Structures are given as structure tokens and as C-alpha cells.
Amino acid sequence: MRWKEIVKKFKDEWVLIEIKEVDENYNLKEGEVIAHSKDKSKIYEQLLKLKDKNMYIEYTGKIPEDLAVVLYHEEDI
């Protein structure tokens, strides 16, 4: 499913996507939606069940002002 289709179908939700294609800046172009929810904790629960897949978590609505995001790479810990 293309990113624009995901945004339209899952408006204002958190989505867990298996990556199929990204652009040169690593922005998602196409993927398979594995889970979606208004509650981001549900998405993280699903993510913990998956291994060895390239996954992408994104919010399809306006990002809340009070949201902070922390990214890490397991090999760096």
C-alpha cells in the first residue's frame, strides 16, 4: 500500500508498517500495514512480537506538540 493510501485509510491513527520501499531519504513510499490503532501502546505491543523485519511506525495525523520521540539502534546500546 502506498503511503498516501495508508494516511487516507488510517486517518489519525498510529500504524505499524512492514517496509516494502523507501525513497532516497528513507521516507516510506510503500509498505504493508501490520497493525493500526489510535493507541500507540497497542502498536508497540505488536512490534515486540515481530523479529527480523524492517518496520516503520508512523502517526497519520497531526503530531501532538507534547510528543517526544527517541530513536536508538540496538548495536549502539
PDB file of N, CA and C in Angstrom:
ATOM      1  N   MET A   1       0.860  -1.172   0.000  1.00  0.00           N
ATOM      2  CA  MET A   1       0.000   0.000   0.000  1.00  0.00           C
ATOM      3  C   MET A   1       0.908   1.238   0.000  1.00  0.00           C
ATOM      4  N   ARG A   2       0.588   2.187  -0.802  1.00  0.00           N
ATOM      5  CA  ARG A   2       1.351   3.432  -0.875  1.00  0.00           C
ATOM      6  C   ARG A   2       1.063   4.280   0.359  1.00  0.00           C
ATOM      7  N   TRP A   3       2.055   5.136   0.725  1.00  0.00           N
ATOM      8  CA  TRP A   3       1.941   5.958   1.924  1.00  0.00           C
ATOM      9  C   TRP A   3       0.672   6.811   1.898  1.00  0.00           C
ATOM     10  N   LYS A   4       0.355   7.433   0.795  1.00  0.00           N
ATOM     11  CA  LYS A   4      -0.839   8.291   0.719  1.00  0.00           C
ATOM     12  C   LYS A   4      -2.118   7.492   0.973  1.00  0.00           C
ATOM     13  N   GLU A   5      -2.155   6.260   0.521  1.00  0.00           N
ATOM     14  CA  GLU A   5      -3.318   5.399   0.762  1.00  0.00           C
ATOM     15  C   GLU A   5      -3.429   5.045   2.252  1.00  0.00           C
ATOM     16  N   ILE A   6      -2.285   4.787   2.878  1.00  0.00           N
ATOM     17  CA  ILE A   6      -2.266   4.462   4.311  1.00  0.00           C
ATOM     18  C   ILE A   6      -2.807   5.629   5.116  1.00  0.00           C
ATOM     19  N   VAL A   7      -2.338   6.835   4.812  1.00  0.00           N
ATOM     20  CA  VAL A   7      -2.791   8.040   5.524  1.00  0.00           C
ATOM     21  C   VAL A   7      -4.296   8.222   5.371  1.00  0.00           C
ATOM     22  N   LYS A   8      -4.803   8.004   4.186  1.00  0.00           N
ATOM     23  CA  LYS A   8      -6.244   8.171   3.930  1.00  0.00           C
ATOM     24  C   LYS A   8      -7.071   7.108   4.657  1.00  0.00           C
ATOM     25  N   LYS A   9      -6.632   5.860   4.600  1.00  0.00           N
ATOM     26  CA  LYS A   9      -7.393   4.758   5.188  1.00  0.00           C
ATOM     27  C   LYS A   9      -7.328   4.738   6.714  1.00  0.00           C
ATOM     28  N   PHE A  10      -6.187   5.126   7.287  1.00  0.00           N
ATOM     29  CA  PHE A  10      -5.978   5.048   8.736  1.00  0.00           C
ATOM     30  C   PHE A  10      -5.773   6.438   9.328  1.00  0.00           C
ATOM     31  N   LYS A  11      -6.628   7.374   8.961  1.00  0.00           N
ATOM     32  CA  LYS A  11      -6.516   8.776   9.386  1.00  0.00           C
ATOM     33  C   LYS A  11      -6.463   8.903  10.908  1.00  0.00           C
ATOM     34  N   ASP A  12      -5.500   9.701  11.377  1.00  0.00           N
ATOM     35  CA  ASP A  12      -5.324   9.994  12.806  1.00  0.00           C
ATOM     36  C   ASP A  12      -5.089   8.746  13.647  1.00  0.00           C
ATOM     37  N   GLU A  13      -4.347   7.789  13.088  1.00  0.00           N
ATOM     38  CA  GLU A  13      -4.009   6.570  13.818  1.00  0.00           C
ATOM     39  C   GLU A  13      -2.509   6.324  13.760  1.00  0.00           C
ATOM     40  N   TRP A  14      -2.035   5.528  14.714  1.00  0.00           N
ATOM     41  CA  TRP A  14      -0.674   5.005  14.688  1.00  0.00           C
ATOM     42  C   TRP A  14      -0.696   3.759  13.825  1.00  0.00           C
ATOM     43  N   VAL A  15       0.311   3.612  12.963  1.00  0.00           N
ATOM     44  CA  VAL A  15       0.372   2.444  12.101  1.00  0.00           C
ATOM     45  C   VAL A  15       1.749   1.783  12.204  1.00  0.00           C
ATOM     46  N   LEU A  16       1.740   0.469  12.199  1.00  0.00           N
ATOM     47  CA  LEU A  16       2.953  -0.334  12.165  1.00  0.00           C
ATOM     48  C   LEU A  16       3.021  -0.925  10.765  1.00  0.00           C
ATOM     49  N   ILE A  17       4.081  -0.610  10.058  1.00  0.00           N
ATOM     50  CA  ILE A  17       4.167  -0.945   8.644  1.00  0.00           C
ATOM     51  C   ILE A  17       5.435  -1.744   8.369  1.00  0.00           C
ATOM     52  N   GLU A  18       5.275  -2.855   7.663  1.00  0.00           N
ATOM     53  CA  GLU A  18       6.447  -3.573   7.160  1.00  0.00           C
ATOM     54  C   GLU A  18       6.885  -2.850   5.891  1.00  0.00           C
ATOM     55  N   ILE A  19       8.123  -2.408   5.873  1.00  0.00           N
ATOM     56  CA  ILE A  19       8.635  -1.604   4.767  1.00  0.00           C
ATOM     57  C   ILE A  19       8.817  -2.439   3.514  1.00  0.00           C
ATOM     58  N   LYS A  20       8.291  -1.925   2.421  1.00  0.00           N
ATOM     59  CA  LYS A  20       8.486  -2.535   1.101  1.00  0.00           C
ATOM     60  C   LYS A  20       9.381  -1.653   0.229  1.00  0.00           C
ATOM     61  N   GLU A  21       9.217  -0.305   0.369  1.00  0.00           N
ATOM     62  CA  GLU A  21      10.004   0.625  -0.447  1.00  0.00           C
ATOM     63  C   GLU A  21      10.128   1.968   0.278  1.00  0.00           C
ATOM     64  N   VAL A  22      11.346   2.534   0.252  1.00  0.00           N
ATOM     65  CA  VAL A  22      11.587   3.874   0.783  1.00  0.00           C
ATOM     66  C   VAL A  22      12.241   4.713  -0.310  1.00  0.00           C
ATOM     67  N   ASP A  23      12.206   6.037  -0.134  1.00  0.00           N
ATOM     68  CA  ASP A  23      12.886   6.900  -1.097  1.00  0.00           C
ATOM     69  C   ASP A  23      14.335   7.111  -0.664  1.00  0.00           C
ATOM     70  N   GLU A  24      15.045   7.967  -1.362  1.00  0.00           N
ATOM     71  CA  GLU A  24      16.472   8.199  -1.082  1.00  0.00           C
ATOM     72  C   GLU A  24      16.717   8.814   0.298  1.00  0.00           C
ATOM     73  N   ASN A  25      15.692   9.402   0.906  1.00  0.00           N
ATOM     74  CA  ASN A  25      15.804   9.977   2.253  1.00  0.00           C
ATOM     75  C   ASN A  25      15.206   9.058   3.311  1.00  0.00           C
ATOM     76  N   TYR A  26      14.935   7.822   2.953  1.00  0.00           N
ATOM     77  CA  TYR A  26      14.362   6.802   3.835  1.00  0.00           C
ATOM     78  C   TYR A  26      12.940   7.115   4.289  1.00  0.00           C
ATOM     79  N   ASN A  27      12.239   7.931   3.530  1.00  0.00           N
ATOM     80  CA  ASN A  27      10.814   8.163   3.777  1.00  0.00           C
ATOM     81  C   ASN A  27      10.046   7.002   3.160  1.00  0.00           C
ATOM     82  N   LEU A  28       9.052   6.531   3.864  1.00  0.00           N
ATOM     83  CA  LEU A  28       8.259   5.404   3.386  1.00  0.00           C
ATOM     84  C   LEU A  28       7.508   5.759   2.110  1.00  0.00           C
ATOM     85  N   LYS A  29       7.644   4.913   1.110  1.00  0.00           N
ATOM     86  CA  LYS A  29       6.876   5.064  -0.118  1.00  0.00           C
ATOM     87  C   LYS A  29       5.779   4.007  -0.177  1.00  0.00           C
ATOM     88  N   GLU A  30       6.122   2.773   0.242  1.00  0.00           N
ATOM     89  CA  GLU A  30       5.151   1.683   0.167  1.00  0.00           C
ATOM     90  C   GLU A  30       5.447   0.658   1.252  1.00  0.00           C
ATOM     91  N   GLY A  31       4.372   0.086   1.805  1.00  0.00           N
ATOM     92  CA  GLY A  31       4.538  -0.937   2.820  1.00  0.00           C
ATOM     93  C   GLY A  31       3.242  -1.678   3.083  1.00  0.00           C
ATOM     94  N   GLU A  32       3.348  -2.677   3.955  1.00  0.00           N
ATOM     95  CA  GLU A  32       2.182  -3.463   4.360  1.00  0.00           C
ATOM     96  C   GLU A  32       1.825  -3.099   5.791  1.00  0.00           C
ATOM     97  N   VAL A  33       0.605  -2.656   6.006  1.00  0.00           N
ATOM     98  CA  VAL A  33       0.159  -2.298   7.352  1.00  0.00           C
ATOM     99  C   VAL A  33      -0.041  -3.587   8.151  1.00  0.00           C
ATOM    100  N   ILE A  34       0.717  -3.709   9.242  1.00  0.00           N
ATOM    101  CA  ILE A  34       0.653  -4.881  10.109  1.00  0.00           C
ATOM    102  C   ILE A  34      -0.357  -4.649  11.232  1.00  0.00           C
ATOM    103  N   ALA A  35      -0.392  -3.409  11.754  1.00  0.00           N
ATOM    104  CA  ALA A  35      -1.327  -3.055  12.829  1.00  0.00           C
ATOM    105  C   ALA A  35      -1.610  -1.566  12.761  1.00  0.00           C
ATOM    106  N   HIS A  36      -2.770  -1.176  13.270  1.00  0.00           N
ATOM    107  CA  HIS A  36      -3.120   0.242  13.365  1.00  0.00           C
ATOM    108  C   HIS A  36      -4.001   0.446  14.585  1.00  0.00           C
ATOM    109  N   SER A  37      -3.863   1.620  15.212  1.00  0.00           N
ATOM    110  CA  SER A  37      -4.631   1.905  16.415  1.00  0.00           C
ATOM    111  C   SER A  37      -4.532   3.393  16.753  1.00  0.00           C
ATOM    112  N   LYS A  38      -5.535   3.883  17.440  1.00  0.00           N
ATOM    113  CA  LYS A  38      -5.461   5.246  17.980  1.00  0.00           C
ATOM    114  C   LYS A  38      -4.547   5.278  19.199  1.00  0.00           C
ATOM    115  N   ASP A  39      -4.304   4.119  19.794  1.00  0.00           N
ATOM    116  CA  ASP A  39      -3.469   3.975  20.992  1.00  0.00           C
ATOM    117  C   ASP A  39      -2.090   3.466  20.588  1.00  0.00           C
ATOM    118  N   LYS A  40      -1.054   4.324  20.704  1.00  0.00           N
ATOM    119  CA  LYS A  40       0.273   3.919  20.233  1.00  0.00           C
ATOM    120  C   LYS A  40       0.852   2.755  21.027  1.00  0.00           C
ATOM    121  N   SER A  41       0.421   2.545  22.272  1.00  0.00           N
ATOM    122  CA  SER A  41       0.942   1.416  23.050  1.00  0.00           C
ATOM    123  C   SER A  41       0.545   0.081  22.410  1.00  0.00           C
ATOM    124  N   LYS A  42      -0.599   0.037  21.745  1.00  0.00           N
ATOM    125  CA  LYS A  42      -1.021  -1.182  21.039  1.00  0.00           C
ATOM    126  C   LYS A  42      -0.059  -1.498  19.888  1.00  0.00           C
ATOM    127  N   ILE A  43       0.438  -0.461  19.249  1.00  0.00           N
ATOM    128  CA  ILE A  43       1.380  -0.636  18.147  1.00  0.00           C
ATOM    129  C   ILE A  43       2.706  -1.187  18.673  1.00  0.00           C
ATOM    130  N   TYR A  44       3.178  -0.650  19.794  1.00  0.00           N
ATOM    131  CA  TYR A  44       4.431  -1.140  20.366  1.00  0.00           C
ATOM    132  C   TYR A  44       4.295  -2.576  20.855  1.00  0.00           C
ATOM    133  N   GLU A  45       3.134  -2.956  21.339  1.00  0.00           N
ATOM    134  CA  GLU A  45       2.894  -4.352  21.734  1.00  0.00           C
ATOM    135  C   GLU A  45       3.057  -5.273  20.523  1.00  0.00           C
ATOM    136  N   GLN A  46       2.517  -4.864  19.394  1.00  0.00           N
ATOM    137  CA  GLN A  46       2.641  -5.661  18.178  1.00  0.00           C
ATOM    138  C   GLN A  46       4.092  -5.719  17.689  1.00  0.00           C
ATOM    139  N   LEU A  47       4.788  -4.588  17.796  1.00  0.00           N
ATOM    140  CA  LEU A  47       6.182  -4.529  17.360  1.00  0.00           C
ATOM    141  C   LEU A  47       7.052  -5.518  18.134  1.00  0.00           C
ATOM    142  N   LEU A  48       6.793  -5.667  19.426  1.00  0.00           N
ATOM    143  CA  LEU A  48       7.577  -6.585  20.255  1.00  0.00           C
ATOM    144  C   LEU A  48       7.425  -8.040  19.820  1.00  0.00           C
ATOM    145  N   LYS A  49       6.339  -8.353  19.139  1.00  0.00           N
ATOM    146  CA  LYS A  49       6.089  -9.717  18.685  1.00  0.00           C
ATOM    147  C   LYS A  49       6.802 -10.041  17.368  1.00  0.00           C
ATOM    148  N   LEU A  50       7.306  -9.017  16.703  1.00  0.00           N
ATOM    149  CA  LEU A  50       7.906  -9.204  15.377  1.00  0.00           C
ATOM    150  C   LEU A  50       9.421  -9.152  15.455  1.00  0.00           C
ATOM    151  N   LYS A  51      10.063  -9.998  14.676  1.00  0.00           N
ATOM    152  CA  LYS A  51      11.526 -10.004  14.622  1.00  0.00           C
ATOM    153  C   LYS A  51      11.959 -10.160  13.174  1.00  0.00           C
ATOM    154  N   ASP A  52      13.139  -9.664  12.894  1.00  0.00           N
ATOM    155  CA  ASP A  52      13.758  -9.835  11.577  1.00  0.00           C
ATOM    156  C   ASP A  52      12.948  -9.245  10.432  1.00  0.00           C
ATOM    157  N   LYS A  53      12.246  -8.153  10.710  1.00  0.00           N
ATOM    158  CA  LYS A  53      11.516  -7.457   9.651  1.00  0.00           C
ATOM    159  C   LYS A  53      11.855  -5.972   9.759  1.00  0.00           C
ATOM    160  N   ASN A  54      11.897  -5.316   8.637  1.00  0.00           N
ATOM    161  CA  ASN A  54      12.104  -3.873   8.618  1.00  0.00           C
ATOM    162  C   ASN A  54      10.759  -3.204   8.839  1.00  0.00           C
ATOM    163  N   MET A  55      10.617  -2.580  10.001  1.00  0.00           N
ATOM    164  CA  MET A  55       9.334  -1.999  10.377  1.00  0.00           C
ATOM    165  C   MET A  55       9.427  -0.478  10.486  1.00  0.00           C
ATOM    166  N   TYR A  56       8.297   0.153  10.367  1.00  0.00           N
ATOM    167  CA  TYR A  56       8.168   1.599  10.388  1.00  0.00           C
ATOM    168  C   TYR A  56       6.938   1.910  11.225  1.00  0.00           C
ATOM    169  N   ILE A  57       7.079   2.806  12.195  1.00  0.00           N
ATOM    170  CA  ILE A  57       5.935   3.262  12.993  1.00  0.00           C
ATOM    171  C   ILE A  57       5.710   4.725  12.649  1.00  0.00           C
ATOM    172  N   GLU A  58       4.465   5.053  12.339  1.00  0.00           N
ATOM    173  CA  GLU A  58       4.154   6.418  11.938  1.00  0.00           C
ATOM    174  C   GLU A  58       2.764   6.791  12.430  1.00  0.00           C
ATOM    175  N   TYR A  59       2.570   8.073  12.658  1.00  0.00           N
ATOM    176  CA  TYR A  59       1.259   8.609  13.005  1.00  0.00           C
ATOM    177  C   TYR A  59       0.715   9.318  11.782  1.00  0.00           C
ATOM    178  N   THR A  60      -0.522   9.058  11.410  1.00  0.00           N
ATOM    179  CA  THR A  60      -1.079   9.590  10.175  1.00  0.00           C
ATOM    180  C   THR A  60      -1.795  10.927  10.341  1.00  0.00           C
ATOM    181  N   GLY A  61      -1.822  11.442  11.549  1.00  0.00           N
ATOM    182  CA  GLY A  61      -2.464  12.736  11.787  1.00  0.00           C
ATOM    183  C   GLY A  61      -1.437  13.795  12.118  1.00  0.00           C
ATOM    184  N   LYS A  62      -1.918  14.889  12.682  1.00  0.00           N
ATOM    185  CA  LYS A  62      -1.036  15.965  13.108  1.00  0.00           C
ATOM    186  C   LYS A  62      -0.296  15.505  14.362  1.00  0.00           C
ATOM    187  N   ILE A  63       1.022  15.684  14.370  1.00  0.00           N
ATOM    188  CA  ILE A  63       1.840  15.261  15.503  1.00  0.00           C
ATOM    189  C   ILE A  63       1.548  16.178  16.693  1.00  0.00           C
ATOM    190  N   PRO A  64       1.194  15.586  17.850  1.00  0.00           N
ATOM    191  CA  PRO A  64       0.923  16.395  19.039  1.00  0.00           C
ATOM    192  C   PRO A  64       2.149  17.206  19.470  1.00  0.00           C
ATOM    193  N   GLU A  65       1.922  18.412  19.939  1.00  0.00           N
ATOM    194  CA  GLU A  65       3.003  19.308  20.376  1.00  0.00           C
ATOM    195  C   GLU A  65       3.830  18.710  21.508  1.00  0.00           C
ATOM    196  N   ASP A  66       3.204  17.915  22.370  1.00  0.00           N
ATOM    197  CA  ASP A  66       3.900  17.391  23.549  1.00  0.00           C
ATOM    198  C   ASP A  66       4.543  16.027  23.313  1.00  0.00           C
ATOM    199  N   LEU A  67       4.624  15.595  22.065  1.00  0.00           N
ATOM    200  CA  LEU A  67       5.195  14.287  21.751  1.00  0.00           C
ATOM    201  C   LEU A  67       6.703  14.388  21.572  1.00  0.00           C
ATOM    202  N   ALA A  68       7.427  13.521  22.254  1.00  0.00           N
ATOM    203  CA  ALA A  68       8.876  13.415  22.078  1.00  0.00           C
ATOM    204  C   ALA A  68       9.177  12.036  21.533  1.00  0.00           C
ATOM    205  N   VAL A  69      10.138  11.957  20.624  1.00  0.00           N
ATOM    206  CA  VAL A  69      10.496  10.691  20.004  1.00  0.00           C
ATOM    207  C   VAL A  69      11.964  10.412  20.267  1.00  0.00           C
ATOM    208  N   VAL A  70      12.251   9.191  20.684  1.00  0.00           N
ATOM    209  CA  VAL A  70      13.630   8.777  20.919  1.00  0.00           C
ATOM    210  C   VAL A  70      13.902   7.589  20.011  1.00  0.00           C
ATOM    211  N   LEU A  71      14.959   7.683  19.230  1.00  0.00           N
ATOM    212  CA  LEU A  71      15.347   6.606  18.340  1.00  0.00           C
ATOM    213  C   LEU A  71      16.675   6.026  18.806  1.00  0.00           C
ATOM    214  N   TYR A  72      16.817   4.718  18.678  1.00  0.00           N
ATOM    215  CA  TYR A  72      18.093   4.100  19.015  1.00  0.00           C
ATOM    216  C   TYR A  72      18.311   2.891  18.140  1.00  0.00           C
ATOM    217  N   HIS A  73      19.535   2.472  18.090  1.00  0.00           N
ATOM    218  CA  HIS A  73      19.919   1.290  17.341  1.00  0.00           C
ATOM    219  C   HIS A  73      20.499   0.309  18.341  1.00  0.00           C
ATOM    220  N   GLU A  74      19.972  -0.935  18.389  1.00  0.00           N
ATOM    221  CA  GLU A  74      20.355  -1.899  19.410  1.00  0.00           C
ATOM    222  C   GLU A  74      21.862  -2.091  19.510  1.00  0.00           C
ATOM    223  N   GLU A  75      22.566  -2.059  18.412  1.00  0.00           N
ATOM    224  CA  GLU A  75      24.007  -2.278  18.441  1.00  0.00           C
ATOM    225  C   GLU A  75      24.748  -1.144  19.143  1.00  0.00           C
ATOM    226  N   ASP A  76      24.114   0.025  19.275  1.00  0.00           N
ATOM    227  CA  ASP A  76      24.739   1.176  19.928  1.00  0.00           C
ATOM    228  C   ASP A  76      24.555   1.187  21.434  1.00  0.00           C
ATOM    229  N   ILE A  77      23.751   0.276  21.956  1.00  0.00           N
ATOM    230  CA  ILE A  77      23.464   0.262  23.396  1.00  0.00           C
ATOM    231  C   ILE A  77      24.453  -0.611  24.121  1.00  0.00           C
TER     232      ILE A  77
END
